[in-house]
């Protein structure tokens, strides 16, 4: 493992290049996914559900949708990269 300043700078440069090429894929789906869920579940299904203790169904379900989206995104980001490195790239041995 190369921990020299030159190696670290090369890694940072590589990660910056990758991010700049894939920023739309990394930024837009996590932003749009909870909005679509709130529209579909909050307002679509919410039209059939009465208010819960004076709160509309969309306002009731929105915090849960945001929380599950954050957890799902974090889980995917950590496990998918590990899986690819382990299974396809054979970076980690079994």
PDB file of N, CA and C in Angstrom:
ATOM      1  N   UNK A   1       0.847  -1.168   0.000  1.00  0.00           N
ATOM      2  CA  UNK A   1       0.000   0.000   0.000  1.00  0.00           C
ATOM      3  C   UNK A   1       0.894   1.233   0.000  1.00  0.00           C
ATOM      4  N   UNK A   2       0.644   2.118  -0.937  1.00  0.00           N
ATOM      5  CA  UNK A   2       1.463   3.317  -1.113  1.00  0.00           C
ATOM      6  C   UNK A   2       0.827   4.479  -0.358  1.00  0.00           C
ATOM      7  N   UNK A   3       1.438   4.896   0.757  1.00  0.00           N
ATOM      8  CA  UNK A   3       0.930   6.021   1.533  1.00  0.00           C
ATOM      9  C   UNK A   3       1.777   7.267   1.354  1.00  0.00           C
ATOM     10  N   UNK A   4       2.560   7.286   0.303  1.00  0.00           N
ATOM     11  CA  UNK A   4       3.356   8.481   0.043  1.00  0.00           C
ATOM     12  C   UNK A   4       2.425   9.606  -0.406  1.00  0.00           C
ATOM     13  N   UNK A   5       2.836  10.857  -0.233  1.00  0.00           N
ATOM     14  CA  UNK A   5       1.993  11.970  -0.673  1.00  0.00           C
ATOM     15  C   UNK A   5       1.635  11.888  -2.157  1.00  0.00           C
ATOM     16  N   UNK A   6       2.544  11.400  -2.954  1.00  0.00           N
ATOM     17  CA  UNK A   6       2.284  11.278  -4.394  1.00  0.00           C
ATOM     18  C   UNK A   6       1.191  10.240  -4.663  1.00  0.00           C
ATOM     19  N   UNK A   7       1.236   9.099  -3.935  1.00  0.00           N
ATOM     20  CA  UNK A   7       0.218   8.066  -4.097  1.00  0.00           C
ATOM     21  C   UNK A   7      -1.145   8.527  -3.630  1.00  0.00           C
ATOM     22  N   UNK A   8      -1.158   9.246  -2.508  1.00  0.00           N
ATOM     23  CA  UNK A   8      -2.428   9.763  -1.980  1.00  0.00           C
ATOM     24  C   UNK A   8      -3.007  10.785  -2.950  1.00  0.00           C
ATOM     25  N   UNK A   9      -2.180  11.651  -3.475  1.00  0.00           N
ATOM     26  CA  UNK A   9      -2.644  12.662  -4.437  1.00  0.00           C
ATOM     27  C   UNK A   9      -3.170  12.004  -5.707  1.00  0.00           C
ATOM     28  N   UNK A  10      -2.525  10.952  -6.148  1.00  0.00           N
ATOM     29  CA  UNK A  10      -2.997  10.229  -7.339  1.00  0.00           C
ATOM     30  C   UNK A  10      -4.368   9.611  -7.090  1.00  0.00           C
ATOM     31  N   UNK A  11      -4.574   9.070  -5.890  1.00  0.00           N
ATOM     32  CA  UNK A  11      -5.866   8.482  -5.550  1.00  0.00           C
ATOM     33  C   UNK A  11      -6.952   9.548  -5.485  1.00  0.00           C
ATOM     34  N   UNK A  12      -6.647  10.680  -4.882  1.00  0.00           N
ATOM     35  CA  UNK A  12      -7.614  11.776  -4.808  1.00  0.00           C
ATOM     36  C   UNK A  12      -7.945  12.277  -6.211  1.00  0.00           C
ATOM     37  N   UNK A  13      -6.940  12.384  -7.055  1.00  0.00           N
ATOM     38  CA  UNK A  13      -7.157  12.834  -8.435  1.00  0.00           C
ATOM     39  C   UNK A  13      -8.043  11.838  -9.196  1.00  0.00           C
ATOM     40  N   UNK A  14      -7.789  10.549  -9.020  1.00  0.00           N
ATOM     41  CA  UNK A  14      -8.595   9.526  -9.684  1.00  0.00           C
ATOM     42  C   UNK A  14     -10.050   9.593  -9.210  1.00  0.00           C
ATOM     43  N   UNK A  15     -10.253   9.685  -7.905  1.00  0.00           N
ATOM     44  CA  UNK A  15     -11.614   9.748  -7.378  1.00  0.00           C
ATOM     45  C   UNK A  15     -12.338  11.012  -7.828  1.00  0.00           C
ATOM     46  N   UNK A  16     -11.619  12.125  -7.938  1.00  0.00           N
ATOM     47  CA  UNK A  16     -12.219  13.362  -8.437  1.00  0.00           C
ATOM     48  C   UNK A  16     -12.639  13.207  -9.892  1.00  0.00           C
ATOM     49  N   UNK A  17     -11.788  12.602 -10.704  1.00  0.00           N
ATOM     50  CA  UNK A  17     -12.126  12.371 -12.109  1.00  0.00           C
ATOM     51  C   UNK A  17     -13.361  11.483 -12.257  1.00  0.00           C
ATOM     52  N   UNK A  18     -13.413  10.427 -11.477  1.00  0.00           N
ATOM     53  CA  UNK A  18     -14.561   9.516 -11.537  1.00  0.00           C
ATOM     54  C   UNK A  18     -15.831  10.242 -11.114  1.00  0.00           C
ATOM     55  N   UNK A  19     -15.759  11.024 -10.046  1.00  0.00           N
ATOM     56  CA  UNK A  19     -16.940  11.743  -9.570  1.00  0.00           C
ATOM     57  C   UNK A  19     -17.418  12.756 -10.602  1.00  0.00           C
ATOM     58  N   UNK A  20     -16.502  13.472 -11.219  1.00  0.00           N
ATOM     59  CA  UNK A  20     -16.907  14.473 -12.204  1.00  0.00           C
ATOM     60  C   UNK A  20     -17.560  13.837 -13.435  1.00  0.00           C
ATOM     61  N   UNK A  21     -17.193  12.595 -13.743  1.00  0.00           N
ATOM     62  CA  UNK A  21     -17.819  11.901 -14.873  1.00  0.00           C
ATOM     63  C   UNK A  21     -19.173  11.312 -14.506  1.00  0.00           C
ATOM     64  N   UNK A  22     -19.372  10.985 -13.238  1.00  0.00           N
ATOM     65  CA  UNK A  22     -20.590  10.281 -12.832  1.00  0.00           C
ATOM     66  C   UNK A  22     -21.443  11.071 -11.840  1.00  0.00           C
ATOM     67  N   UNK A  23     -21.295  12.390 -11.783  1.00  0.00           N
ATOM     68  CA  UNK A  23     -21.996  13.158 -10.762  1.00  0.00           C
ATOM     69  C   UNK A  23     -23.512  13.108 -10.946  1.00  0.00           C
ATOM     70  N   UNK A  24     -23.985  13.065 -12.181  1.00  0.00           N
ATOM     71  CA  UNK A  24     -25.441  13.010 -12.391  1.00  0.00           C
ATOM     72  C   UNK A  24     -26.018  11.705 -11.845  1.00  0.00           C
ATOM     73  N   UNK A  25     -25.328  10.624 -12.080  1.00  0.00           N
ATOM     74  CA  UNK A  25     -25.779   9.329 -11.589  1.00  0.00           C
ATOM     75  C   UNK A  25     -25.695   9.256 -10.069  1.00  0.00           C
ATOM     76  N   UNK A  26     -24.712   9.894  -9.480  1.00  0.00           N
ATOM     77  CA  UNK A  26     -24.546   9.859  -8.030  1.00  0.00           C
ATOM     78  C   UNK A  26     -25.418  10.871  -7.302  1.00  0.00           C
ATOM     79  N   UNK A  27     -25.864  11.910  -7.989  1.00  0.00           N
ATOM     80  CA  UNK A  27     -26.588  12.990  -7.327  1.00  0.00           C
ATOM     81  C   UNK A  27     -28.100  12.937  -7.550  1.00  0.00           C
ATOM     82  N   UNK A  28     -28.525  12.721  -8.771  1.00  0.00           N
ATOM     83  CA  UNK A  28     -29.949  12.832  -9.085  1.00  0.00           C
ATOM     84  C   UNK A  28     -30.836  11.715  -8.513  1.00  0.00           C
ATOM     85  N   UNK A  29     -30.497  10.441  -8.652  1.00  0.00           N
ATOM     86  CA  UNK A  29     -31.408   9.418  -8.099  1.00  0.00           C
ATOM     87  C   UNK A  29     -31.651   9.529  -6.593  1.00  0.00           C
ATOM     88  N   UNK A  30     -30.624   9.751  -5.770  1.00  0.00           N
ATOM     89  CA  UNK A  30     -30.929   9.906  -4.346  1.00  0.00           C
ATOM     90  C   UNK A  30     -31.773  11.144  -4.034  1.00  0.00           C
ATOM     91  N   UNK A  31     -31.747  12.131  -4.908  1.00  0.00           N
ATOM     92  CA  UNK A  31     -32.568  13.316  -4.707  1.00  0.00           C
ATOM     93  C   UNK A  31     -34.000  13.081  -5.180  1.00  0.00           C
ATOM     94  N   UNK A  32     -34.158  12.422  -6.317  1.00  0.00           N
ATOM     95  CA  UNK A  32     -35.483  12.235  -6.896  1.00  0.00           C
ATOM     96  C   UNK A  32     -36.274  11.088  -6.278  1.00  0.00           C
ATOM     97  N   UNK A  33     -35.592  10.067  -5.786  1.00  0.00           N
ATOM     98  CA  UNK A  33     -36.276   8.893  -5.256  1.00  0.00           C
ATOM     99  C   UNK A  33     -37.223   9.221  -4.102  1.00  0.00           C
ATOM    100  N   UNK A  34     -36.787   9.945  -3.059  1.00  0.00           N
ATOM    101  CA  UNK A  34     -37.743  10.248  -1.991  1.00  0.00           C
ATOM    102  C   UNK A  34     -38.881  11.155  -2.448  1.00  0.00           C
ATOM    103  N   UNK A  35     -38.599  12.049  -3.397  1.00  0.00           N
ATOM    104  CA  UNK A  35     -39.667  12.904  -3.907  1.00  0.00           C
ATOM    105  C   UNK A  35     -40.736  12.088  -4.628  1.00  0.00           C
ATOM    106  N   UNK A  36     -40.306  11.114  -5.414  1.00  0.00           N
ATOM    107  CA  UNK A  36     -41.274  10.255  -6.099  1.00  0.00           C
ATOM    108  C   UNK A  36     -42.065   9.395  -5.116  1.00  0.00           C
ATOM    109  N   UNK A  37     -41.404   8.905  -4.073  1.00  0.00           N
ATOM    110  CA  UNK A  37     -42.104   8.128  -3.051  1.00  0.00           C
ATOM    111  C   UNK A  37     -43.152   8.972  -2.331  1.00  0.00           C
ATOM    112  N   UNK A  38     -42.780  10.203  -1.979  1.00  0.00           N
ATOM    113  CA  UNK A  38     -43.745  11.072  -1.292  1.00  0.00           C
ATOM    114  C   UNK A  38     -44.919  11.389  -2.214  1.00  0.00           C
ATOM    115  N   UNK A  39     -44.645  11.633  -3.484  1.00  0.00           N
ATOM    116  CA  UNK A  39     -45.740  11.894  -4.417  1.00  0.00           C
ATOM    117  C   UNK A  39     -46.638  10.670  -4.579  1.00  0.00           C
ATOM    118  N   UNK A  40     -46.032   9.515  -4.771  1.00  0.00           N
ATOM    119  CA  UNK A  40     -46.819   8.301  -5.009  1.00  0.00           C
ATOM    120  C   UNK A  40     -47.544   7.840  -3.753  1.00  0.00           C
ATOM    121  N   UNK A  41     -46.818   7.723  -2.656  1.00  0.00           N
ATOM    122  CA  UNK A  41     -47.431   7.204  -1.429  1.00  0.00           C
ATOM    123  C   UNK A  41     -48.153   8.295  -0.650  1.00  0.00           C
ATOM    124  N   UNK A  42     -47.525   9.438  -0.520  1.00  0.00           N
ATOM    125  CA  UNK A  42     -48.109  10.506   0.283  1.00  0.00           C
ATOM    126  C   UNK A  42     -49.359  11.098  -0.326  1.00  0.00           C
ATOM    127  N   UNK A  43     -49.287  11.409  -1.604  1.00  0.00           N
ATOM    128  CA  UNK A  43     -50.437  12.045  -2.247  1.00  0.00           C
ATOM    129  C   UNK A  43     -51.289  11.058  -3.044  1.00  0.00           C
ATOM    130  N   UNK A  44     -50.682  10.036  -3.623  1.00  0.00           N
ATOM    131  CA  UNK A  44     -51.460   9.037  -4.360  1.00  0.00           C
ATOM    132  C   UNK A  44     -52.276   8.164  -3.433  1.00  0.00           C
ATOM    133  N   UNK A  45     -51.608   7.454  -2.542  1.00  0.00           N
ATOM    134  CA  UNK A  45     -52.291   6.606  -1.566  1.00  0.00           C
ATOM    135  C   UNK A  45     -52.955   7.471  -0.497  1.00  0.00           C
ATOM    136  N   UNK A  46     -52.322   8.607  -0.182  1.00  0.00           N
ATOM    137  CA  UNK A  46     -52.865   9.503   0.842  1.00  0.00           C
ATOM    138  C   UNK A  46     -54.228  10.064   0.511  1.00  0.00           C
ATOM    139  N   UNK A  47     -54.591  10.051  -0.762  1.00  0.00           N
ATOM    140  CA  UNK A  47     -55.926  10.525  -1.143  1.00  0.00           C
ATOM    141  C   UNK A  47     -57.011   9.592  -0.616  1.00  0.00           C
ATOM    142  N   UNK A  48     -56.657   8.346  -0.347  1.00  0.00           N
ATOM    143  CA  UNK A  48     -57.628   7.368   0.149  1.00  0.00           C
ATOM    144  C   UNK A  48     -57.606   7.251   1.676  1.00  0.00           C
ATOM    145  N   UNK A  49     -56.666   7.924   2.329  1.00  0.00           N
ATOM    146  CA  UNK A  49     -56.508   7.800   3.776  1.00  0.00           C
ATOM    147  C   UNK A  49     -56.844   9.137   4.429  1.00  0.00           C
ATOM    148  N   UNK A  50     -57.653   9.084   5.474  1.00  0.00           N
ATOM    149  CA  UNK A  50     -58.013  10.300   6.205  1.00  0.00           C
ATOM    150  C   UNK A  50     -56.820  10.811   7.003  1.00  0.00           C
ATOM    151  N   UNK A  51     -56.974  12.007   7.561  1.00  0.00           N
ATOM    152  CA  UNK A  51     -55.911  12.567   8.387  1.00  0.00           C
ATOM    153  C   UNK A  51     -55.694  11.708   9.626  1.00  0.00           C
ATOM    154  N   UNK A  52     -54.457  11.642  10.058  1.00  0.00           N
ATOM    155  CA  UNK A  52     -54.089  10.899  11.259  1.00  0.00           C
ATOM    156  C   UNK A  52     -53.784  11.897  12.366  1.00  0.00           C
ATOM    157  N   UNK A  53     -54.659  11.983  13.342  1.00  0.00           N
ATOM    158  CA  UNK A  53     -54.505  12.901  14.468  1.00  0.00           C
ATOM    159  C   UNK A  53     -54.245  14.331  13.990  1.00  0.00           C
ATOM    160  N   UNK A  54     -54.965  14.765  12.987  1.00  0.00           N
ATOM    161  CA  UNK A  54     -54.856  16.130  12.473  1.00  0.00           C
ATOM    162  C   UNK A  54     -53.713  16.359  11.518  1.00  0.00           C
ATOM    163  N   UNK A  55     -52.992  15.311  11.130  1.00  0.00           N
ATOM    164  CA  UNK A  55     -51.852  15.439  10.215  1.00  0.00           C
ATOM    165  C   UNK A  55     -52.188  14.687   8.932  1.00  0.00           C
ATOM    166  N   UNK A  56     -51.925  15.315   7.791  1.00  0.00           N
ATOM    167  CA  UNK A  56     -52.181  14.635   6.524  1.00  0.00           C
ATOM    168  C   UNK A  56     -51.260  13.427   6.390  1.00  0.00           C
ATOM    169  N   UNK A  57     -51.693  12.478   5.581  1.00  0.00           N
ATOM    170  CA  UNK A  57     -50.901  11.258   5.414  1.00  0.00           C
ATOM    171  C   UNK A  57     -49.545  11.562   4.782  1.00  0.00           C
ATOM    172  N   UNK A  58     -49.491  12.524   3.862  1.00  0.00           N
ATOM    173  CA  UNK A  58     -48.214  12.892   3.225  1.00  0.00           C
ATOM    174  C   UNK A  58     -47.225  13.423   4.258  1.00  0.00           C
ATOM    175  N   UNK A  59     -47.695  14.264   5.175  1.00  0.00           N
ATOM    176  CA  UNK A  59     -46.805  14.788   6.226  1.00  0.00           C
ATOM    177  C   UNK A  59     -46.443  13.707   7.231  1.00  0.00           C
ATOM    178  N   UNK A  60     -47.325  12.745   7.425  1.00  0.00           N
ATOM    179  CA  UNK A  60     -47.064  11.660   8.359  1.00  0.00           C
ATOM    180  C   UNK A  60     -45.996  10.707   7.829  1.00  0.00           C
ATOM    181  N   UNK A  61     -46.036  10.426   6.539  1.00  0.00           N
ATOM    182  CA  UNK A  61     -45.147   9.410   5.962  1.00  0.00           C
ATOM    183  C   UNK A  61     -43.814   9.978   5.466  1.00  0.00           C
ATOM    184  N   UNK A  62     -43.725  11.293   5.226  1.00  0.00           N
ATOM    185  CA  UNK A  62     -42.518  11.896   4.655  1.00  0.00           C
ATOM    186  C   UNK A  62     -41.250  11.664   5.486  1.00  0.00           C
ATOM    187  N   UNK A  63     -41.250  11.848   6.816  1.00  0.00           N
ATOM    188  CA  UNK A  63     -40.006  11.596   7.565  1.00  0.00           C
ATOM    189  C   UNK A  63     -39.523  10.155   7.464  1.00  0.00           C
ATOM    190  N   UNK A  64     -40.448   9.213   7.467  1.00  0.00           N
ATOM    191  CA  UNK A  64     -40.061   7.807   7.329  1.00  0.00           C
ATOM    192  C   UNK A  64     -39.471   7.512   5.966  1.00  0.00           C
ATOM    193  N   UNK A  65     -40.039   8.101   4.934  1.00  0.00           N
ATOM    194  CA  UNK A  65     -39.519   7.897   3.575  1.00  0.00           C
ATOM    195  C   UNK A  65     -38.114   8.486   3.455  1.00  0.00           C
ATOM    196  N   UNK A  66     -37.902   9.667   4.016  1.00  0.00           N
ATOM    197  CA  UNK A  66     -36.563  10.264   3.967  1.00  0.00           C
ATOM    198  C   UNK A  66     -35.553   9.426   4.731  1.00  0.00           C
ATOM    199  N   UNK A  67     -35.947   8.916   5.889  1.00  0.00           N
ATOM    200  CA  UNK A  67     -35.024   8.099   6.684  1.00  0.00           C
ATOM    201  C   UNK A  67     -34.664   6.810   5.967  1.00  0.00           C
ATOM    202  N   UNK A  68     -35.649   6.114   5.418  1.00  0.00           N
ATOM    203  CA  UNK A  68     -35.361   4.844   4.749  1.00  0.00           C
ATOM    204  C   UNK A  68     -34.545   5.071   3.471  1.00  0.00           C
ATOM    205  N   UNK A  69     -34.763   6.184   2.785  1.00  0.00           N
ATOM    206  CA  UNK A  69     -33.977   6.482   1.586  1.00  0.00           C
ATOM    207  C   UNK A  69     -32.519   6.733   1.943  1.00  0.00           C
ATOM    208  N   UNK A  70     -32.274   7.456   3.035  1.00  0.00           N
ATOM    209  CA  UNK A  70     -30.888   7.694   3.458  1.00  0.00           C
ATOM    210  C   UNK A  70     -30.208   6.392   3.859  1.00  0.00           C
ATOM    211  N   UNK A  71     -30.921   5.546   4.601  1.00  0.00           N
ATOM    212  CA  UNK A  71     -30.319   4.269   5.010  1.00  0.00           C
ATOM    213  C   UNK A  71     -30.070   3.364   3.802  1.00  0.00           C
ATOM    214  N   UNK A  72     -31.011   3.320   2.873  1.00  0.00           N
ATOM    215  CA  UNK A  72     -30.856   2.473   1.694  1.00  0.00           C
ATOM    216  C   UNK A  72     -29.701   2.961   0.824  1.00  0.00           C
ATOM    217  N   UNK A  73     -29.584   4.257   0.642  1.00  0.00           N
ATOM    218  CA  UNK A  73     -28.492   4.805  -0.172  1.00  0.00           C
ATOM    219  C   UNK A  73     -27.135   4.506   0.462  1.00  0.00           C
ATOM    220  N   UNK A  74     -27.024   4.690   1.760  1.00  0.00           N
ATOM    221  CA  UNK A  74     -25.757   4.420   2.441  1.00  0.00           C
ATOM    222  C   UNK A  74     -25.413   2.936   2.378  1.00  0.00           C
ATOM    223  N   UNK A  75     -26.400   2.085   2.579  1.00  0.00           N
ATOM    224  CA  UNK A  75     -26.171   0.646   2.518  1.00  0.00           C
ATOM    225  C   UNK A  75     -25.719   0.226   1.124  1.00  0.00           C
ATOM    226  N   UNK A  76     -26.373   0.740   0.091  1.00  0.00           N
ATOM    227  CA  UNK A  76     -26.009   0.390  -1.281  1.00  0.00           C
ATOM    228  C   UNK A  76     -24.596   0.860  -1.604  1.00  0.00           C
ATOM    229  N   UNK A  77     -24.271   2.101  -1.233  1.00  0.00           N
ATOM    230  CA  UNK A  77     -22.946   2.647  -1.542  1.00  0.00           C
ATOM    231  C   UNK A  77     -21.834   1.811  -0.918  1.00  0.00           C
ATOM    232  N   UNK A  78     -22.045   1.316   0.296  1.00  0.00           N
ATOM    233  CA  UNK A  78     -20.983   0.566   0.957  1.00  0.00           C
ATOM    234  C   UNK A  78     -20.922  -0.887   0.514  1.00  0.00           C
ATOM    235  N   UNK A  79     -22.067  -1.505   0.287  1.00  0.00           N
ATOM    236  CA  UNK A  79     -22.038  -2.930  -0.037  1.00  0.00           C
ATOM    237  C   UNK A  79     -21.764  -3.196  -1.516  1.00  0.00           C
ATOM    238  N   UNK A  80     -22.257  -2.366  -2.418  1.00  0.00           N
ATOM    239  CA  UNK A  80     -22.071  -2.619  -3.841  1.00  0.00           C
ATOM    240  C   UNK A  80     -20.601  -2.537  -4.226  1.00  0.00           C
ATOM    241  N   UNK A  81     -19.914  -1.492  -3.762  1.00  0.00           N
ATOM    242  CA  UNK A  81     -18.490  -1.366  -4.065  1.00  0.00           C
ATOM    243  C   UNK A  81     -17.682  -2.524  -3.504  1.00  0.00           C
ATOM    244  N   UNK A  82     -18.027  -2.953  -2.295  1.00  0.00           N
ATOM    245  CA  UNK A  82     -17.328  -4.084  -1.685  1.00  0.00           C
ATOM    246  C   UNK A  82     -17.577  -5.362  -2.471  1.00  0.00           C
ATOM    247  N   UNK A  83     -18.814  -5.562  -2.895  1.00  0.00           N
ATOM    248  CA  UNK A  83     -19.161  -6.763  -3.663  1.00  0.00           C
ATOM    249  C   UNK A  83     -18.394  -6.801  -4.984  1.00  0.00           C
ATOM    250  N   UNK A  84     -18.360  -5.692  -5.699  1.00  0.00           N
ATOM    251  CA  UNK A  84     -17.651  -5.643  -6.984  1.00  0.00           C
ATOM    252  C   UNK A  84     -16.165  -5.931  -6.784  1.00  0.00           C
ATOM    253  N   UNK A  85     -15.585  -5.318  -5.753  1.00  0.00           N
ATOM    254  CA  UNK A  85     -14.152  -5.542  -5.506  1.00  0.00           C
ATOM    255  C   UNK A  85     -13.871  -6.979  -5.100  1.00  0.00           C
ATOM    256  N   UNK A  86     -14.776  -7.579  -4.357  1.00  0.00           N
ATOM    257  CA  UNK A  86     -14.548  -8.944  -3.886  1.00  0.00           C
ATOM    258  C   UNK A  86     -14.814  -9.969  -4.991  1.00  0.00           C
ATOM    259  N   UNK A  87     -15.921  -9.845  -5.701  1.00  0.00           N
ATOM    260  CA  UNK A  87     -16.357 -10.888  -6.611  1.00  0.00           C
ATOM    261  C   UNK A  87     -15.748 -10.753  -8.008  1.00  0.00           C
ATOM    262  N   UNK A  88     -15.800  -9.578  -8.581  1.00  0.00           N
ATOM    263  CA  UNK A  88     -15.358  -9.407  -9.964  1.00  0.00           C
ATOM    264  C   UNK A  88     -13.895  -9.001 -10.093  1.00  0.00           C
ATOM    265  N   UNK A  89     -13.442  -8.076  -9.259  1.00  0.00           N
ATOM    266  CA  UNK A  89     -12.069  -7.619  -9.369  1.00  0.00           C
ATOM    267  C   UNK A  89     -11.089  -8.512  -8.603  1.00  0.00           C
ATOM    268  N   UNK A  90     -11.609  -9.363  -7.747  1.00  0.00           N
ATOM    269  CA  UNK A  90     -10.784 -10.274  -6.935  1.00  0.00           C
ATOM    270  C   UNK A  90      -9.746  -9.508  -6.106  1.00  0.00           C
ATOM    271  N   UNK A  91     -10.140  -8.311  -5.645  1.00  0.00           N
ATOM    272  CA  UNK A  91      -9.248  -7.515  -4.798  1.00  0.00           C
ATOM    273  C   UNK A  91      -9.070  -8.178  -3.452  1.00  0.00           C
ATOM    274  N   UNK A  92     -10.144  -8.721  -2.909  1.00  0.00           N
ATOM    275  CA  UNK A  92     -10.095  -9.413  -1.618  1.00  0.00           C
ATOM    276  C   UNK A  92     -10.136 -10.903  -1.879  1.00  0.00           C
ATOM    277  N   UNK A  93      -9.322 -11.625  -1.179  1.00  0.00           N
ATOM    278  CA  UNK A  93      -9.335 -13.080  -1.332  1.00  0.00           C
ATOM    279  C   UNK A  93     -10.310 -13.699  -0.336  1.00  0.00           C
ATOM    280  N   UNK A  94     -10.760 -14.861  -0.675  1.00  0.00           N
ATOM    281  CA  UNK A  94     -11.698 -15.558   0.206  1.00  0.00           C
ATOM    282  C   UNK A  94     -10.985 -16.362   1.224  1.00  0.00           C
TER     283      UNK A  94
END
